[in-house]
PDB file of all heavy atoms in Angstrom:
ATOM      1  N   GLY A   1      -2.245  19.424 -46.765  1.00  0.00           N
ATOM      2  CA  GLY A   1      -2.544  18.323 -45.948  1.00  0.00           C
ATOM      3  C   GLY A   1      -2.319  16.921 -46.635  1.00  0.00           C
ATOM      4  O   GLY A   1      -2.557  15.993 -46.094  1.00  0.00           O
ATOM      5  N   GLY A   2      -2.003  17.051 -47.914  1.00  0.00           N
ATOM      6  CA  GLY A   2      -1.897  15.748 -48.568  1.00  0.00           C
ATOM      7  C   GLY A   2      -3.209  15.166 -49.136  1.00  0.00           C
ATOM      8  O   GLY A   2      -3.289  14.149 -49.777  1.00  0.00           O
ATOM      9  N   ALA A   3      -4.355  16.038 -49.005  1.00  0.00           N
ATOM     10  CA  ALA A   3      -5.645  15.508 -49.528  1.00  0.00           C
ATOM     11  C   ALA A   3      -5.569  15.576 -51.016  1.00  0.00           C
ATOM     12  O   ALA A   3      -4.939  16.644 -51.623  1.00  0.00           O
ATOM     13  CB  ALA A   3      -6.728  16.338 -48.958  1.00  0.00           C
ATOM     14  N   PRO A   4      -6.281  14.762 -51.629  1.00  0.00           N
ATOM     15  CA  PRO A   4      -6.201  14.815 -53.252  1.00  0.00           C
ATOM     16  C   PRO A   4      -7.094  16.112 -53.712  1.00  0.00           C
ATOM     17  O   PRO A   4      -8.059  16.536 -53.028  1.00  0.00           O
ATOM     18  CB  PRO A   4      -6.918  13.580 -53.642  1.00  0.00           C
ATOM     19  CG  PRO A   4      -7.733  13.124 -52.467  1.00  0.00           C
ATOM     20  CD  PRO A   4      -6.922  13.602 -51.240  1.00  0.00           C
ATOM     21  N   THR A   5      -6.775  16.702 -54.790  1.00  0.00           N
ATOM     22  CA  THR A   5      -7.374  17.781 -55.355  1.00  0.00           C
ATOM     23  C   THR A   5      -8.382  17.304 -56.321  1.00  0.00           C
ATOM     24  O   THR A   5      -8.420  16.144 -56.777  1.00  0.00           O
ATOM     25  CB  THR A   5      -6.419  18.751 -56.074  1.00  0.00           C
ATOM     26  OG1 THR A   5      -5.692  17.973 -57.104  1.00  0.00           O
ATOM     27  CG2 THR A   5      -5.393  19.275 -55.123  1.00  0.00           C
ATOM     28  N   ALA A   6      -9.321  18.233 -56.855  1.00  0.00           N
ATOM     29  CA  ALA A   6     -10.400  17.779 -57.679  1.00  0.00           C
ATOM     30  C   ALA A   6      -9.832  17.652 -59.189  1.00  0.00           C
ATOM     31  O   ALA A   6     -10.516  16.937 -59.957  1.00  0.00           O
ATOM     32  CB  ALA A   6     -11.383  19.030 -57.620  1.00  0.00           C
ATOM     33  N   ARG A   7      -8.759  18.217 -59.476  1.00  0.00           N
ATOM     34  CA  ARG A   7      -8.286  18.041 -60.907  1.00  0.00           C
ATOM     35  C   ARG A   7      -7.395  16.831 -61.079  1.00  0.00           C
ATOM     36  O   ARG A   7      -6.966  16.355 -60.019  1.00  0.00           O
ATOM     37  CB  ARG A   7      -7.567  19.261 -61.398  1.00  0.00           C
ATOM     38  CG  ARG A   7      -7.313  20.377 -60.569  1.00  0.00           C
ATOM     39  CD  ARG A   7      -6.508  21.462 -61.225  1.00  0.00           C
ATOM     40  NE  ARG A   7      -5.483  21.803 -60.407  1.00  0.00           N
ATOM     41  CZ  ARG A   7      -4.167  21.600 -60.460  1.00  0.00           C
ATOM     42  NH1 ARG A   7      -3.780  20.966 -61.577  1.00  0.00           N
ATOM     43  NH2 ARG A   7      -3.324  21.881 -59.536  1.00  0.00           N
ATOM     44  N   ALA A   8      -7.266  16.387 -62.256  1.00  0.00           N
ATOM     45  CA  ALA A   8      -6.489  15.156 -62.461  1.00  0.00           C
ATOM     46  C   ALA A   8      -4.957  15.550 -62.258  1.00  0.00           C
ATOM     47  O   ALA A   8      -4.469  16.622 -62.514  1.00  0.00           O
ATOM     48  CB  ALA A   8      -6.597  14.804 -63.938  1.00  0.00           C
ATOM     49  N   PRO A   9      -4.140  14.553 -61.900  1.00  0.00           N
ATOM     50  CA  PRO A   9      -2.733  14.832 -61.636  1.00  0.00           C
ATOM     51  C   PRO A   9      -2.079  15.190 -63.048  1.00  0.00           C
ATOM     52  O   PRO A   9      -2.284  14.612 -64.036  1.00  0.00           O
ATOM     53  CB  PRO A   9      -2.202  13.660 -61.148  1.00  0.00           C
ATOM     54  CG  PRO A   9      -3.246  12.582 -60.948  1.00  0.00           C
ATOM     55  CD  PRO A   9      -4.603  13.157 -61.505  1.00  0.00           C
ATOM     56  N   GLY A  10      -1.247  16.231 -62.933  1.00  0.00           N
ATOM     57  CA  GLY A  10      -0.488  16.549 -64.125  1.00  0.00           C
ATOM     58  C   GLY A  10      -1.240  17.629 -65.000  1.00  0.00           C
ATOM     59  O   GLY A  10      -0.784  18.143 -66.066  1.00  0.00           O
ATOM     60  N   ALA A  11      -2.502  17.917 -64.692  1.00  0.00           N
ATOM     61  CA  ALA A  11      -3.401  18.821 -65.513  1.00  0.00           C
ATOM     62  C   ALA A  11      -3.042  20.225 -65.077  1.00  0.00           C
ATOM     63  O   ALA A  11      -2.701  20.462 -63.964  1.00  0.00           O
ATOM     64  CB  ALA A  11      -4.857  18.498 -65.303  1.00  0.00           C
ATOM     65  N   ALA A  12      -3.081  21.078 -66.023  1.00  0.00           N
ATOM     66  CA  ALA A  12      -2.704  22.518 -65.849  1.00  0.00           C
ATOM     67  C   ALA A  12      -3.846  23.162 -65.073  1.00  0.00           C
ATOM     68  O   ALA A  12      -4.949  22.884 -65.297  1.00  0.00           O
ATOM     69  CB  ALA A  12      -2.478  23.138 -67.115  1.00  0.00           C
ATOM     70  N   ALA A  13      -3.491  23.978 -64.237  1.00  0.00           N
ATOM     71  CA  ALA A  13      -4.541  24.737 -63.389  1.00  0.00           C
ATOM     72  C   ALA A  13      -5.200  25.706 -64.349  1.00  0.00           C
ATOM     73  O   ALA A  13      -4.628  26.320 -65.164  1.00  0.00           O
ATOM     74  CB  ALA A  13      -3.801  25.478 -62.197  1.00  0.00           C
ATOM     75  N   PRO A  14      -6.533  25.850 -64.092  1.00  0.00           N
ATOM     76  CA  PRO A  14      -7.246  26.742 -65.042  1.00  0.00           C
ATOM     77  C   PRO A  14      -6.861  28.217 -64.670  1.00  0.00           C
ATOM     78  O   PRO A  14      -6.621  28.641 -63.479  1.00  0.00           O
ATOM     79  CB  PRO A  14      -8.730  26.634 -64.515  1.00  0.00           C
ATOM     80  CG  PRO A  14      -8.693  25.995 -63.211  1.00  0.00           C
ATOM     81  CD  PRO A  14      -7.362  25.192 -63.145  1.00  0.00           C
ATOM     82  N   ARG A  15      -6.657  29.003 -65.681  1.00  0.00           N
ATOM     83  CA  ARG A  15      -6.154  30.407 -65.578  1.00  0.00           C
ATOM     84  C   ARG A  15      -7.407  31.352 -65.733  1.00  0.00           C
ATOM     85  O   ARG A  15      -8.248  31.048 -66.631  1.00  0.00           O
ATOM     86  CB  ARG A  15      -5.105  30.714 -66.614  1.00  0.00           C
ATOM     87  CG  ARG A  15      -3.901  29.826 -66.552  1.00  0.00           C
ATOM     88  CD  ARG A  15      -2.838  30.292 -67.545  1.00  0.00           C
ATOM     89  NE  ARG A  15      -1.686  30.776 -66.802  1.00  0.00           N
ATOM     90  CZ  ARG A  15      -0.703  31.239 -67.277  1.00  0.00           C
ATOM     91  NH1 ARG A  15      -0.646  31.435 -68.683  1.00  0.00           N
ATOM     92  NH2 ARG A  15       0.352  31.666 -66.671  1.00  0.00           N
ATOM     93  N   ALA A  16      -7.320  32.371 -65.118  1.00  0.00           N
ATOM     94  CA  ALA A  16      -8.273  33.468 -65.180  1.00  0.00           C
ATOM     95  C   ALA A  16      -7.960  34.234 -66.538  1.00  0.00           C
ATOM     96  O   ALA A  16      -6.849  34.381 -66.877  1.00  0.00           O
ATOM     97  CB  ALA A  16      -8.250  34.390 -64.071  1.00  0.00           C
ATOM     98  N   PRO A  17      -8.988  34.664 -67.256  1.00  0.00           N
ATOM     99  CA  PRO A  17      -8.782  35.292 -68.474  1.00  0.00           C
ATOM    100  C   PRO A  17      -8.078  36.703 -68.217  1.00  0.00           C
ATOM    101  O   PRO A  17      -8.347  37.256 -67.265  1.00  0.00           O
ATOM    102  CB  PRO A  17     -10.051  35.509 -69.128  1.00  0.00           C
ATOM    103  CG  PRO A  17     -11.068  35.289 -68.018  1.00  0.00           C
ATOM    104  CD  PRO A  17     -10.413  34.423 -66.994  1.00  0.00           C
ATOM    105  N   GLU A  18      -7.016  36.974 -69.058  1.00  0.00           N
ATOM    106  CA  GLU A  18      -6.452  38.269 -68.858  1.00  0.00           C
ATOM    107  C   GLU A  18      -7.183  39.422 -69.402  1.00  0.00           C
ATOM    108  O   GLU A  18      -7.804  39.234 -70.435  1.00  0.00           O
ATOM    109  CB  GLU A  18      -5.031  38.242 -69.540  1.00  0.00           C
ATOM    110  CG  GLU A  18      -3.942  37.263 -68.950  1.00  0.00           C
ATOM    111  CD  GLU A  18      -2.741  37.331 -69.616  1.00  0.00           C
ATOM    112  OE1 GLU A  18      -2.350  38.320 -70.224  1.00  0.00           O
ATOM    113  OE2 GLU A  18      -1.953  36.329 -69.494  1.00  0.00           O
ATOM    114  N   PRO A  19      -7.264  40.503 -68.693  1.00  0.00           N
ATOM    115  CA  PRO A  19      -8.097  41.580 -69.263  1.00  0.00           C
ATOM    116  C   PRO A  19      -7.436  42.154 -70.428  1.00  0.00           C
ATOM    117  O   PRO A  19      -6.232  42.148 -70.583  1.00  0.00           O
ATOM    118  CB  PRO A  19      -7.924  42.634 -67.995  1.00  0.00           C
ATOM    119  CG  PRO A  19      -6.736  42.252 -67.419  1.00  0.00           C
ATOM    120  CD  PRO A  19      -6.563  40.835 -67.446  1.00  0.00           C
ATOM    121  N   ALA A  20      -8.326  42.631 -71.309  1.00  0.00           N
ATOM    122  CA  ALA A  20      -7.817  43.230 -72.567  1.00  0.00           C
ATOM    123  C   ALA A  20      -7.077  44.544 -72.394  1.00  0.00           C
ATOM    124  O   ALA A  20      -7.694  45.387 -71.508  1.00  0.00           O
ATOM    125  CB  ALA A  20      -9.002  43.442 -73.556  1.00  0.00           C
ATOM    126  N   ALA A  21      -6.015  44.843 -73.000  1.00  0.00           N
ATOM    127  CA  ALA A  21      -5.281  46.036 -72.849  1.00  0.00           C
ATOM    128  C   ALA A  21      -6.062  47.067 -73.677  1.00  0.00           C
ATOM    129  O   ALA A  21      -6.425  46.827 -74.800  1.00  0.00           O
ATOM    130  CB  ALA A  21      -3.798  45.839 -73.245  1.00  0.00           C
ATOM    131  N   GLU A  22      -6.079  48.283 -73.290  1.00  0.00           N
ATOM    132  CA  GLU A  22      -6.668  49.388 -73.992  1.00  0.00           C
ATOM    133  C   GLU A  22      -5.602  50.540 -74.244  1.00  0.00           C
ATOM    134  O   GLU A  22      -4.784  50.688 -73.363  1.00  0.00           O
ATOM    135  CB  GLU A  22      -7.771  49.936 -73.290  1.00  0.00           C
ATOM    136  CG  GLU A  22      -8.966  49.100 -73.228  1.00  0.00           C
ATOM    137  CD  GLU A  22     -10.288  49.799 -72.622  1.00  0.00           C
ATOM    138  OE1 GLU A  22     -10.521  51.009 -72.962  1.00  0.00           O
ATOM    139  OE2 GLU A  22     -10.953  49.206 -71.898  1.00  0.00           O
ATOM    140  N   ASP A  23      -5.640  51.092 -75.426  1.00  0.00           N
ATOM    141  CA  ASP A  23      -4.709  52.210 -75.671  1.00  0.00           C
ATOM    142  C   ASP A  23      -5.388  53.472 -75.087  1.00  0.00           C
ATOM    143  O   ASP A  23      -6.607  53.545 -75.115  1.00  0.00           O
ATOM    144  CB  ASP A  23      -4.584  52.429 -77.176  1.00  0.00           C
ATOM    145  CG  ASP A  23      -3.766  51.304 -77.843  1.00  0.00           C
ATOM    146  OD1 ASP A  23      -2.860  50.803 -77.112  1.00  0.00           O
ATOM    147  OD2 ASP A  23      -3.932  51.030 -79.056  1.00  0.00           O
ATOM    148  N   LEU A  24      -4.615  54.319 -74.458  1.00  0.00           N
ATOM    149  CA  LEU A  24      -5.127  55.418 -73.925  1.00  0.00           C
ATOM    150  C   LEU A  24      -4.735  56.697 -74.808  1.00  0.00           C
ATOM    151  O   LEU A  24      -3.770  56.644 -75.597  1.00  0.00           O
ATOM    152  CB  LEU A  24      -4.368  55.731 -72.592  1.00  0.00           C
ATOM    153  CG  LEU A  24      -4.606  54.599 -71.438  1.00  0.00           C
ATOM    154  CD1 LEU A  24      -3.857  54.862 -70.301  1.00  0.00           C
ATOM    155  CD2 LEU A  24      -6.077  54.333 -71.209  1.00  0.00           C
ATOM    156  N   HIS A  25      -5.499  57.688 -74.687  1.00  0.00           N
ATOM    157  CA  HIS A  25      -5.243  58.892 -75.488  1.00  0.00           C
ATOM    158  C   HIS A  25      -5.392  60.144 -74.502  1.00  0.00           C
ATOM    159  O   HIS A  25      -6.042  60.050 -73.463  1.00  0.00           O
ATOM    160  CB  HIS A  25      -6.178  59.053 -76.682  1.00  0.00           C
ATOM    161  CG  HIS A  25      -7.535  59.320 -76.265  1.00  0.00           C
ATOM    162  ND1 HIS A  25      -8.473  58.312 -75.832  1.00  0.00           N
ATOM    163  CD2 HIS A  25      -8.258  60.539 -76.286  1.00  0.00           C
ATOM    164  CE1 HIS A  25      -9.682  58.892 -75.565  1.00  0.00           C
ATOM    165  NE2 HIS A  25      -9.558  60.215 -75.861  1.00  0.00           N
ATOM    166  N   ALA A  26      -4.714  61.163 -74.818  1.00  0.00           N
ATOM    167  CA  ALA A  26      -4.744  62.402 -73.989  1.00  0.00           C
ATOM    168  C   ALA A  26      -6.064  63.114 -74.101  1.00  0.00           C
ATOM    169  O   ALA A  26      -6.491  63.280 -75.240  1.00  0.00           O
ATOM    170  CB  ALA A  26      -3.558  63.368 -74.371  1.00  0.00           C
TER     171      ALA A  26
END
């Protein structure tokens, strides 16, 4: 709708932390 957002213009959007990958074993 053109309403301003809470973050500053040009600031990167916060990213969710990526889950840690685990090695699997049989």
